[in-house]
Protein backbone atom coordinates (compact mmCIF):
# COMPACT_ATOMS: atom_id res chain seq x y z
CA MET A 1 0.86 -63.75 -50.99
CA LYS A 2 -2.80 -62.85 -50.41
CA THR A 3 -4.46 -59.92 -52.09
CA ARG A 4 -7.65 -58.05 -51.14
CA SER A 5 -10.50 -57.83 -53.61
CA SER A 6 -11.51 -54.21 -54.30
CA ALA A 7 -14.82 -55.33 -55.73
CA ARG A 8 -15.89 -56.96 -52.45
CA GLY A 9 -15.24 -53.77 -50.36
CA GLU A 10 -16.96 -51.33 -52.71
CA PRO A 11 -20.50 -51.46 -51.24
CA ARG A 12 -19.13 -51.03 -47.68
CA ARG A 13 -17.06 -48.00 -48.79
CA LEU A 14 -20.08 -46.37 -50.43
CA GLY A 15 -22.06 -46.87 -47.24
CA ASN A 16 -19.39 -45.18 -45.13
CA VAL A 17 -19.25 -42.20 -47.47
CA ALA A 18 -23.00 -41.81 -47.26
CA LEU A 19 -22.88 -41.95 -43.44
CA LEU A 20 -20.14 -39.31 -43.26
CA ALA A 21 -22.05 -37.05 -45.65
CA LEU A 22 -25.16 -37.34 -43.48
CA MET A 23 -23.21 -36.44 -40.32
CA LEU A 24 -21.58 -33.43 -42.00
CA CYS A 25 -24.96 -32.12 -43.15
CA SER A 26 -26.27 -32.47 -39.59
CA VAL A 27 -23.40 -30.44 -38.13
CA VAL A 28 -23.88 -27.68 -40.70
CA ALA A 29 -27.61 -27.58 -40.02
CA LEU A 30 -27.09 -27.36 -36.24
CA SER A 31 -24.56 -24.54 -36.69
CA LEU A 32 -27.01 -22.56 -38.82
CA ILE A 33 -29.79 -23.04 -36.29
CA ARG A 34 -27.51 -21.95 -33.39
CA GLY A 35 -26.33 -18.90 -35.29
CA ARG A 36 -29.93 -17.96 -36.07
CA PHE A 37 -31.50 -18.47 -32.68
CA ALA A 38 -28.64 -18.06 -30.16
CA PRO A 39 -26.53 -15.00 -31.12
CA ILE A 40 -26.41 -13.73 -27.52
CA VAL A 41 -24.41 -16.74 -26.39
CA THR A 42 -21.80 -16.10 -29.08
CA SER A 43 -21.57 -12.40 -28.19
CA ALA A 44 -21.18 -13.11 -24.50
CA GLY A 45 -18.42 -15.57 -25.26
CA ASP A 46 -16.58 -12.94 -27.27
CA ALA A 47 -17.03 -10.41 -24.45
CA ILE A 48 -15.60 -12.79 -21.90
CA LYS A 49 -12.69 -13.57 -24.20
CA SER A 50 -12.00 -9.83 -24.70
CA GLU A 51 -12.11 -9.21 -20.96
CA ASP A 52 -9.74 -12.11 -20.30
CA GLU A 53 -7.35 -10.77 -22.93
CA ALA A 54 -7.47 -7.30 -21.34
CA VAL A 55 -6.73 -8.72 -17.88
CA SER A 56 -3.89 -10.78 -19.34
CA LYS A 57 -2.38 -7.74 -21.03
CA GLU A 58 -2.58 -5.72 -17.81
CA ALA A 59 -0.84 -8.50 -15.91
CA VAL A 60 1.93 -8.56 -18.51
CA ASN A 61 2.35 -4.79 -18.21
CA ILE A 62 2.60 -4.96 -14.44
CA ASP A 63 5.15 -7.75 -14.58
CA ALA A 64 7.18 -5.80 -17.13
CA GLY A 65 7.04 -2.81 -14.81
CA ASP A 66 9.26 -4.64 -12.34
CA GLU A 67 12.08 -4.88 -14.86
CA THR A 68 13.02 -1.20 -15.09
CA ALA A 69 12.26 1.99 -13.23
CA ALA A 70 11.16 3.62 -16.48
CA GLU A 71 8.60 0.93 -17.22
CA ALA A 72 7.45 1.02 -13.61
CA ALA A 73 6.74 4.72 -14.06
CA ALA A 74 4.59 3.89 -17.05
CA VAL A 75 2.50 1.63 -14.84
CA GLU A 76 2.27 4.42 -12.27
CA GLU A 77 0.85 6.73 -14.94
CA LYS A 78 -2.37 4.76 -14.53
CA ASP A 79 -2.81 6.89 -11.40
CA LYS A 80 -3.91 9.68 -13.69
CA GLU A 81 -6.85 7.74 -15.10
CA GLU A 82 -10.38 8.47 -13.91
CA ALA A 83 -10.83 6.50 -10.69
CA GLN A 84 -14.36 5.53 -9.68
CA PRO A 85 -14.96 5.00 -5.94
CA LYS A 86 -14.49 1.31 -5.22
CA PRO A 87 -15.62 -0.30 -1.97
CA LYS A 88 -13.11 -2.33 -0.05
CA PRO A 89 -13.91 -6.04 0.49
CA GLY A 90 -16.98 -6.48 2.64
CA ALA A 91 -18.25 -2.93 2.15
CA ALA A 92 -21.82 -2.11 1.18
CA ALA A 93 -21.73 -1.37 -2.55
CA ALA A 94 -24.24 1.47 -2.31
CA LYS A 95 -22.27 3.72 0.03
CA PRO A 96 -18.95 2.40 1.30
CA VAL A 97 -17.34 4.07 4.27
CA CYS A 98 -13.83 3.62 2.83
CA TYR A 99 -13.25 3.69 -0.90
CA GLU A 100 -10.44 4.07 -3.41
CA THR A 101 -10.22 7.61 -4.76
CA SER A 102 -7.22 6.78 -6.93
CA ARG A 103 -4.52 4.14 -7.22
CA ARG A 104 -2.61 6.27 -4.73
CA SER A 105 -5.27 7.04 -2.14
CA ASP A 106 -8.11 5.66 -0.04
CA THR A 107 -10.58 7.96 1.71
CA CYS A 108 -13.00 7.12 4.50
CA GLU A 109 -16.05 9.27 5.23
CA ALA A 110 -18.67 8.91 7.94
CA ALA A 111 -21.40 11.03 9.50
CA GLY A 112 -23.34 10.75 12.72
CA ASP A 113 -22.16 10.64 16.31
CA VAL A 114 -18.38 10.75 15.70
CA ARG A 115 -16.06 10.29 18.68
CA LEU A 116 -12.36 10.41 17.88
CA MET A 117 -9.59 9.19 20.18
CA GLY A 118 -6.30 10.29 18.65
CA ASN A 119 -3.88 8.58 21.01
CA SER A 120 -5.23 5.19 19.90
CA GLN A 121 -5.87 6.17 16.26
CA THR A 122 -9.53 5.22 16.64
CA VAL A 123 -12.73 6.81 15.36
CA TYR A 124 -16.07 5.62 16.74
CA VAL A 125 -19.20 6.35 14.68
CA ASP A 126 -22.71 5.30 15.64
CA THR A 127 -23.76 4.73 12.00
CA LEU A 128 -21.13 2.07 11.30
CA ASP A 129 -21.96 -1.64 11.31
CA ARG A 130 -18.40 -2.93 10.90
CA GLU A 131 -14.79 -1.89 11.39
CA TRP A 132 -12.69 -0.20 8.69
CA LYS A 133 -8.93 0.42 8.65
CA THR A 134 -6.80 2.74 6.55
CA LYS A 135 -3.49 4.59 6.43
CA PRO A 136 -4.23 8.26 5.65
CA TYR A 137 -1.34 9.04 3.30
CA CYS A 138 -1.43 9.31 -0.50
CA ARG A 139 1.09 6.67 -1.43
CA LYS A 140 -0.70 3.44 -0.71
CA HIS A 141 1.20 1.55 -3.43
CA ASP A 142 4.51 2.25 -1.65
CA THR A 143 5.06 -0.17 1.23
CA PHE A 144 8.20 1.63 2.40
CA ALA A 145 6.39 4.96 2.71
CA LEU A 146 3.43 3.34 4.47
CA SER A 147 5.73 1.66 6.98
CA HIS A 148 6.12 5.17 8.45
CA VAL A 149 2.36 5.87 8.52
CA LYS A 150 0.13 4.86 11.42
CA GLU A 151 -3.03 2.89 10.71
CA TRP A 152 -6.40 4.31 11.75
CA ALA A 153 -9.53 2.32 12.59
CA LEU A 154 -13.14 3.41 12.19
CA LYS A 155 -15.39 1.35 14.47
CA PRO A 156 -19.07 1.14 15.43
CA LEU A 157 -19.82 3.18 18.55
CA PRO A 158 -20.16 0.80 21.53
CA SER A 159 -23.69 0.54 22.84
CA GLY A 160 -24.84 0.28 26.40
CA ALA A 161 -24.50 2.52 29.42
CA GLY A 162 -20.95 3.74 29.89
CA ALA A 163 -19.59 1.73 26.97
CA ALA A 164 -18.97 4.65 24.62
CA PRO A 165 -16.15 7.13 25.35
CA GLN A 166 -17.51 10.45 26.64
CA CYS A 167 -16.87 13.63 24.66
CA THR A 168 -14.41 16.11 26.15
CA VAL A 169 -14.26 18.48 23.13
CA ASN A 170 -17.12 19.18 20.74
CA SER A 171 -16.76 20.81 17.33
CA SER A 172 -19.12 21.75 14.51
CA ALA A 173 -16.31 21.42 11.94
CA THR A 174 -15.65 18.31 9.87
CA ALA A 175 -12.77 16.27 11.29
CA PHE A 176 -10.06 15.57 8.71
CA VAL A 177 -7.38 13.01 9.65
CA LEU A 178 -4.22 12.89 7.54
CA SER A 179 -0.66 11.73 8.09
CA ILE A 180 2.62 13.52 7.46
CA GLY A 181 4.66 10.35 7.82
CA GLY A 182 5.93 8.75 4.62
CA PHE A 183 8.31 10.91 2.60
CA THR A 184 7.50 14.35 4.00
CA GLY A 185 10.47 16.67 4.44
CA ASN A 186 11.17 16.49 0.71
CA PRO A 187 9.30 19.45 -0.85
CA PHE A 188 8.11 17.42 -3.83
CA HIS A 189 6.47 14.86 -1.55
CA ASP A 190 5.25 17.59 0.81
CA TYR A 191 3.14 19.00 -2.00
CA THR A 192 2.25 15.99 -4.11
CA ASP A 193 1.58 13.54 -1.24
CA VAL A 194 0.10 15.86 1.40
CA LEU A 195 -0.59 19.53 0.70
CA ILE A 196 -2.34 19.29 -2.67
CA PRO A 197 -4.40 16.22 -1.64
CA ALA A 198 -5.31 18.09 1.56
CA PHE A 199 -6.49 21.04 -0.53
CA ILE A 200 -8.51 18.75 -2.82
CA THR A 201 -10.27 17.22 0.20
CA ALA A 202 -10.69 20.30 2.40
CA HIS A 203 -11.68 22.94 -0.17
CA PRO A 204 -15.39 22.01 -0.36
CA PHE A 205 -15.78 22.64 3.39
CA GLY A 206 -15.03 26.35 3.05
CA GLY A 207 -12.76 26.48 6.09
CA GLU A 208 -15.08 24.49 8.37
CA VAL A 209 -12.69 21.59 8.61
CA GLN A 210 -10.19 20.72 11.33
CA PHE A 211 -6.87 19.11 10.43
CA LEU A 212 -5.99 16.27 12.79
CA VAL A 213 -2.39 15.46 11.87
CA SER A 214 -0.96 12.02 12.54
CA SER A 215 2.83 11.44 12.74
CA TYR A 216 3.01 15.12 13.63
CA LYS A 217 6.30 17.02 13.18
CA SER A 218 6.20 20.52 14.61
CA TRP A 219 8.93 21.84 12.30
CA TRP A 220 7.02 20.57 9.27
CA VAL A 221 3.67 22.01 10.32
CA ASN A 222 5.33 25.34 11.15
CA ARG A 223 6.88 25.42 7.68
CA TYR A 224 3.46 25.18 6.05
CA ILE A 225 1.21 26.65 8.74
CA GLN A 226 0.15 29.54 6.47
CA ILE A 227 -1.23 27.03 3.99
CA PHE A 228 -3.23 25.16 6.64
CA GLN A 229 -4.58 28.47 7.92
CA GLN A 230 -5.90 29.24 4.45
CA MET A 231 -7.71 25.91 4.28
CA SER A 232 -9.14 25.89 7.81
CA ARG A 233 -10.41 28.29 10.45
CA HIS A 234 -9.55 25.82 13.20
CA GLU A 235 -6.33 24.89 14.97
CA VAL A 236 -4.13 22.10 13.62
CA VAL A 237 -4.01 19.26 16.15
CA ASP A 238 -1.15 16.85 16.91
CA ILE A 239 -3.69 14.07 17.06
CA ASP A 240 -1.46 11.11 18.02
CA ALA A 241 -0.47 12.91 21.23
CA ASP A 242 -4.01 14.09 21.96
CA ASP A 243 -5.74 12.79 25.11
CA GLU A 244 -9.13 14.28 24.31
CA VAL A 245 -12.23 12.51 23.07
CA ARG A 246 -13.07 14.84 20.18
CA CYS A 247 -16.63 14.75 18.94
CA TYR A 248 -17.89 15.81 15.52
CA ARG A 249 -20.83 15.23 13.21
CA ASN A 250 -18.65 14.33 10.20
CA VAL A 251 -15.21 12.80 9.72
CA VAL A 252 -12.88 12.26 6.75
CA VAL A 253 -9.87 9.98 7.17
CA GLY A 254 -7.35 10.14 4.35
CA PRO A 255 -6.94 12.80 1.64
CA THR A 256 -7.73 12.35 -2.05
CA PHE A 257 -4.98 12.17 -4.66
CA HIS A 258 -5.49 13.17 -8.31
CA ARG A 259 -2.10 13.52 -10.02
CA GLU A 260 1.50 14.57 -9.38
CA LEU A 261 1.57 18.22 -8.23
CA GLY A 262 -1.92 18.86 -9.50
CA VAL A 263 -5.68 18.96 -9.16
CA ASP A 264 -7.97 17.37 -11.75
CA ALA A 265 -10.86 19.83 -12.05
CA SER A 266 -13.08 17.17 -13.64
CA LYS A 267 -12.98 15.21 -10.37
CA THR A 268 -13.76 18.10 -7.99
CA PRO A 269 -17.30 18.95 -6.84
CA SER A 270 -17.29 22.53 -8.15
CA GLY A 271 -14.54 22.33 -10.77
CA TYR A 272 -11.75 23.87 -8.69
CA SER A 273 -8.30 23.25 -10.11
CA THR A 274 -4.55 23.64 -9.71
CA ALA A 275 -5.02 27.34 -10.46
CA ASP A 276 -7.18 27.64 -7.33
CA PHE A 277 -4.52 25.88 -5.29
CA ARG A 278 -1.91 28.33 -6.58
CA LYS A 279 -4.16 31.27 -5.74
CA MET A 280 -4.46 29.90 -2.23
CA LEU A 281 -0.64 29.78 -2.02
CA ARG A 282 -0.41 33.41 -3.11
CA ASP A 283 -2.86 34.38 -0.38
CA ALA A 284 -1.00 32.28 2.19
CA PHE A 285 2.41 33.82 1.52
CA GLY A 286 1.39 37.28 0.31
CA LEU A 287 2.68 36.78 -3.24
CA GLU A 288 2.07 39.80 -5.45
CA ARG A 289 2.32 38.42 -8.98
CA ALA A 290 -0.46 36.31 -10.41
CA THR A 291 0.98 36.61 -13.93
CA ALA A 292 4.48 37.11 -15.32
CA THR A 293 3.96 40.71 -16.37
CA PRO A 294 6.42 43.44 -15.39
CA SER A 295 6.04 44.54 -11.79
CA GLY A 296 6.68 48.02 -10.45
CA ASP A 297 6.58 50.90 -12.91
CA GLN A 298 4.99 49.42 -16.02
CA TRP A 299 6.44 52.29 -18.09
CA ASP A 300 10.03 51.51 -17.11
CA ILE A 301 11.32 49.76 -20.26
CA ARG A 302 14.61 49.13 -18.46
CA ARG A 303 12.94 46.55 -16.21
CA ARG A 304 14.66 43.26 -16.93
CA PRO A 305 13.04 39.82 -16.70
CA ARG A 306 14.34 37.93 -13.67
CA LEU A 307 15.90 34.45 -13.85
CA LEU A 308 16.35 32.23 -10.79
CA ILE A 309 18.96 29.48 -10.70
CA ILE A 310 18.06 26.75 -8.19
CA SER A 311 21.40 25.90 -6.61
CA ARG A 312 22.50 22.66 -4.97
CA ARG A 313 25.66 21.70 -3.10
CA PRO A 314 27.91 19.31 -5.08
CA SER A 315 27.92 16.87 -2.17
CA ARG A 316 24.18 16.38 -2.63
CA GLY A 317 24.47 15.57 -6.33
CA ARG A 318 22.86 17.28 -9.34
CA ALA A 319 24.69 20.54 -8.76
CA PHE A 320 25.67 23.01 -11.49
CA MET A 321 29.48 22.95 -11.63
CA ASN A 322 29.59 26.12 -13.75
CA GLU A 323 26.92 28.07 -11.92
CA HIS A 324 28.74 31.42 -12.01
CA ALA A 325 29.37 31.14 -15.74
CA MET A 326 25.69 30.33 -16.26
CA ALA A 327 24.70 33.42 -14.29
CA ASP A 328 27.06 35.63 -16.31
CA MET A 329 25.72 34.24 -19.58
CA ALA A 330 22.11 34.82 -18.51
CA ALA A 331 22.94 38.38 -17.46
CA SER A 332 24.45 39.03 -20.89
CA LEU A 333 21.06 38.13 -22.38
CA GLY A 334 19.35 40.80 -20.32
CA PHE A 335 18.23 38.76 -17.32
CA ASP A 336 18.30 40.02 -13.77
CA VAL A 337 19.86 36.87 -12.28
CA ARG A 338 19.24 35.48 -8.81
CA VAL A 339 20.66 32.29 -7.26
CA GLY A 340 18.85 30.48 -4.46
CA GLU A 341 19.43 27.23 -2.59
CA PRO A 342 16.31 26.06 -0.76
CA ASP A 343 16.88 23.59 2.06
CA ALA A 344 15.29 22.47 5.31
CA SER A 345 16.20 25.73 7.06
CA THR A 346 14.87 27.99 4.31
CA ASP A 347 12.09 30.42 5.24
CA THR A 348 9.31 29.08 3.01
CA ALA A 349 7.44 32.39 2.75
CA LYS A 350 10.59 34.32 1.92
CA PHE A 351 11.69 31.88 -0.75
CA ALA A 352 8.16 31.77 -2.19
CA ARG A 353 8.29 35.56 -2.63
CA LEU A 354 11.66 35.27 -4.41
CA VAL A 355 10.32 32.66 -6.82
CA ASN A 356 7.17 34.67 -7.43
CA SER A 357 9.27 37.69 -8.39
CA CYS A 358 10.96 35.67 -11.16
CA ASP A 359 9.99 35.08 -14.77
CA VAL A 360 12.23 32.08 -15.47
CA MET A 361 13.39 29.37 -13.06
CA VAL A 362 16.07 26.83 -13.97
CA GLY A 363 17.26 23.83 -12.00
CA VAL A 364 18.47 20.27 -12.28
CA HIS A 365 15.76 17.66 -11.70
CA GLY A 366 15.08 17.55 -7.98
CA ALA A 367 12.86 18.70 -5.14
CA GLY A 368 13.93 22.34 -5.59
CA LEU A 369 11.93 22.55 -8.82
CA THR A 370 8.77 22.04 -6.75
CA ASN A 371 9.02 25.78 -6.11
CA MET A 372 7.44 26.19 -9.54
CA VAL A 373 4.15 26.25 -7.60
CA PHE A 374 5.01 29.87 -6.71
CA LEU A 375 5.87 31.06 -10.22
CA PRO A 376 3.43 33.53 -11.76
CA ALA A 377 1.30 32.28 -14.65
CA GLY A 378 3.10 32.72 -17.96
CA ALA A 379 6.53 32.23 -16.40
CA VAL A 380 8.94 29.57 -17.67
CA VAL A 381 10.45 26.63 -15.80
CA VAL A 382 13.56 25.00 -17.30
CA GLN A 383 14.27 21.49 -16.07
CA VAL A 384 17.81 20.27 -16.63
CA VAL A 385 17.54 16.48 -16.98
CA PRO A 386 20.60 14.58 -15.72
CA TYR A 387 22.37 12.06 -17.92
CA GLY A 388 21.00 8.51 -17.73
CA ARG A 389 17.77 8.18 -19.75
CA LEU A 390 15.73 10.00 -17.10
CA GLU A 391 13.33 11.76 -19.45
CA TRP A 392 10.43 9.66 -18.12
CA LEU A 393 11.14 10.86 -14.58
CA ALA A 394 11.36 14.48 -15.71
CA ARG A 395 8.07 14.17 -17.56
CA ASN A 396 6.09 12.64 -14.69
CA THR A 397 7.33 14.94 -11.95
CA PHE A 398 7.54 18.43 -13.45
CA ALA A 399 6.84 18.51 -17.21
CA GLU A 400 3.23 17.32 -17.03
CA PRO A 401 2.24 19.34 -13.92
CA SER A 402 3.46 22.59 -15.53
CA ALA A 403 0.40 22.82 -17.79
CA GLY A 404 -2.00 22.87 -14.84
CA MET A 405 0.11 25.58 -13.23
CA GLU A 406 -0.14 27.69 -16.40
CA VAL A 407 3.63 27.99 -16.71
CA HIS A 408 5.70 27.26 -19.82
CA TYR A 409 8.03 24.28 -19.70
CA LEU A 410 11.43 23.79 -21.32
CA GLU A 411 13.82 20.88 -20.97
CA TYR A 412 17.60 20.73 -21.25
CA ALA A 413 18.96 17.17 -21.49
CA VAL A 414 22.50 16.69 -20.19
CA GLN A 415 24.81 14.95 -22.64
CA LEU A 416 27.67 12.59 -21.89
CA ASP A 417 30.37 15.27 -22.00
CA GLU A 418 28.36 17.49 -19.59
CA THR A 419 28.15 15.04 -16.69
CA THR A 420 30.72 14.38 -13.99
CA LEU A 421 29.92 10.68 -14.36
CA SER A 422 32.30 10.71 -17.34
CA GLU A 423 35.06 11.54 -14.85
CA GLN A 424 34.10 8.72 -12.49
CA TYR A 425 33.73 5.79 -14.89
CA PRO A 426 35.73 4.48 -17.86
CA SER A 427 34.24 5.30 -21.26
CA ASP A 428 33.01 1.74 -21.88
CA HIS A 429 31.29 1.37 -18.49
CA PRO A 430 27.53 0.49 -18.58
CA VAL A 431 26.75 3.61 -16.50
CA LEU A 432 27.85 5.69 -19.49
CA ARG A 433 27.11 3.39 -22.43
CA ASP A 434 24.01 1.49 -21.33
CA PRO A 435 21.94 3.42 -18.75
CA MET A 436 19.01 1.03 -19.17
CA ALA A 437 21.17 -1.75 -17.74
CA ILE A 438 21.36 0.31 -14.54
CA HIS A 439 17.61 0.95 -14.66
CA LYS A 440 17.01 -2.80 -14.68
CA GLN A 441 18.80 -3.08 -11.35
CA GLY A 442 15.95 -1.17 -9.71
CA TRP A 443 15.20 2.27 -8.33
CA ASN A 444 17.92 2.27 -5.67
CA ALA A 445 20.67 1.61 -8.22
CA LEU A 446 19.26 4.22 -10.58
CA LYS A 447 18.94 6.85 -7.84
CA THR A 448 22.39 6.24 -6.40
CA THR A 449 24.09 6.36 -9.79
CA TYR A 450 22.28 9.05 -11.76
CA LEU A 451 20.81 11.28 -9.06
CA ASP A 452 23.10 11.12 -6.03
CA LYS A 453 26.54 10.81 -7.68
CA GLN A 454 26.06 13.05 -10.70
CA ASN A 455 26.76 16.76 -11.06
CA VAL A 456 26.44 18.63 -14.34
CA ARG A 457 28.23 21.27 -16.40
CA PRO A 458 25.84 22.45 -19.16
CA HIS A 459 27.30 23.78 -22.42
CA LEU A 460 26.84 27.52 -22.23
CA GLY A 461 26.11 27.70 -25.96
CA ARG A 462 23.31 25.14 -25.81
CA LEU A 463 21.95 26.58 -22.59
CA LYS A 464 22.00 30.06 -24.11
CA ASN A 465 19.64 28.88 -26.83
CA THR A 466 17.30 27.50 -24.16
CA PHE A 467 17.35 30.82 -22.27
CA LEU A 468 16.64 32.73 -25.49
CA GLN A 469 13.69 30.45 -26.11
CA ALA A 470 12.44 31.17 -22.60
CA LEU A 471 12.68 34.91 -23.26
CA LYS A 472 10.45 34.56 -26.31
CA MET A 473 7.82 32.73 -24.27
CA LEU A 474 7.45 35.45 -21.66
CA PRO A 475 4.48 37.84 -21.83
CA HIS A 476 6.97 40.70 -21.88
CA GLY A 477 7.38 39.96 -25.57
CA ARG A 478 11.14 40.42 -25.28
CA ASP A 479 12.97 38.37 -27.89
CA ASP A 480 16.07 40.50 -28.43
């Protein structure tokens, strides 16, 4: 067996150690020099890394949003963030014609020689150098809604003799194109997708704006005609069926969205807000009460605060199954009780006056609660939240908008023994025991199960405590 001599390898080993030591010292020296003379490079690298991490986190959040309706709503809450105008691809960065006003809305603005041909959904403007397209409805993230909205094109005005369409109607107003396709017909969407965005966009023009309505429905426009007449001194035009070549100096295509059922005053030119929208509604429908103070003879101490129960038919889901008992209980507390069921045939002005006469309004989550826009300031809205982990939906739709409307908000969450779902499913069914499992199946499953099939029977004792709390909130100061 051969053995290696350690004595023979010693000088070579010492040489290697010396070489490694020299290389290590060189690396340390270079690092010190880079840190001293190139800190900007290091900082930029950190900034890029931070930005990449932020983008990665956002992507994860969006992917997670597809798993449940509740998490999807959390992603949608980004709509409420400050949105800076962003040019669409190919637009001039300095002043884009079409830009994103929120995650829910795009708006196009142009000035010059504007010639609008409604029956082809086309706007010609001499100041444009390229074509732009948009769908003028505030739900651009919703492909189903937009499938019912016609697309409009803004194009450069053709040059040359006889190339441009000749004006048949001239107007000094600003043309405002918006669609009432999408989900209109549901009061919540009527206000949050169309009417409030229309107010946000039209208010700065002081009435000198003409509404050109695409996907026109005469019954819908007639329902809200008083509101349009408050915002404009000009006729509302069924623009898709219009054969005229309408000429203006300015055009806006697509309203601006801020938030659900509200106006963000920080984003408006002169600071107008949801309160200004509500004042406009009072003027439109002749509503007498701006605040929830006693009407009529202020010295009549017998005047009772009025409570309105928003009624629904059981076949529609989310109906009160003990409505009469609720009314009797509220009356025993001193309320003057009214019951109303708004539907497609309801006279909007008449129902608005009923709501405005009330101090407290109670209803199960649904479009009927949108009538809170007519409540006087200082009134109370009570949202009854159906069983099924729907607190996120209640918060986004009516809880958060209540602050801007200057009304108090109370919530009554339905428990398992208060829902008719407990009569439809066995006690161990996921619908009853694991609502989030239903959420994960998507919005359609959630809606069908917890909104369409469910009616409620609130405990009168629990509800009584909620009504007593509402009484204490009223400016009447009645807490007895």
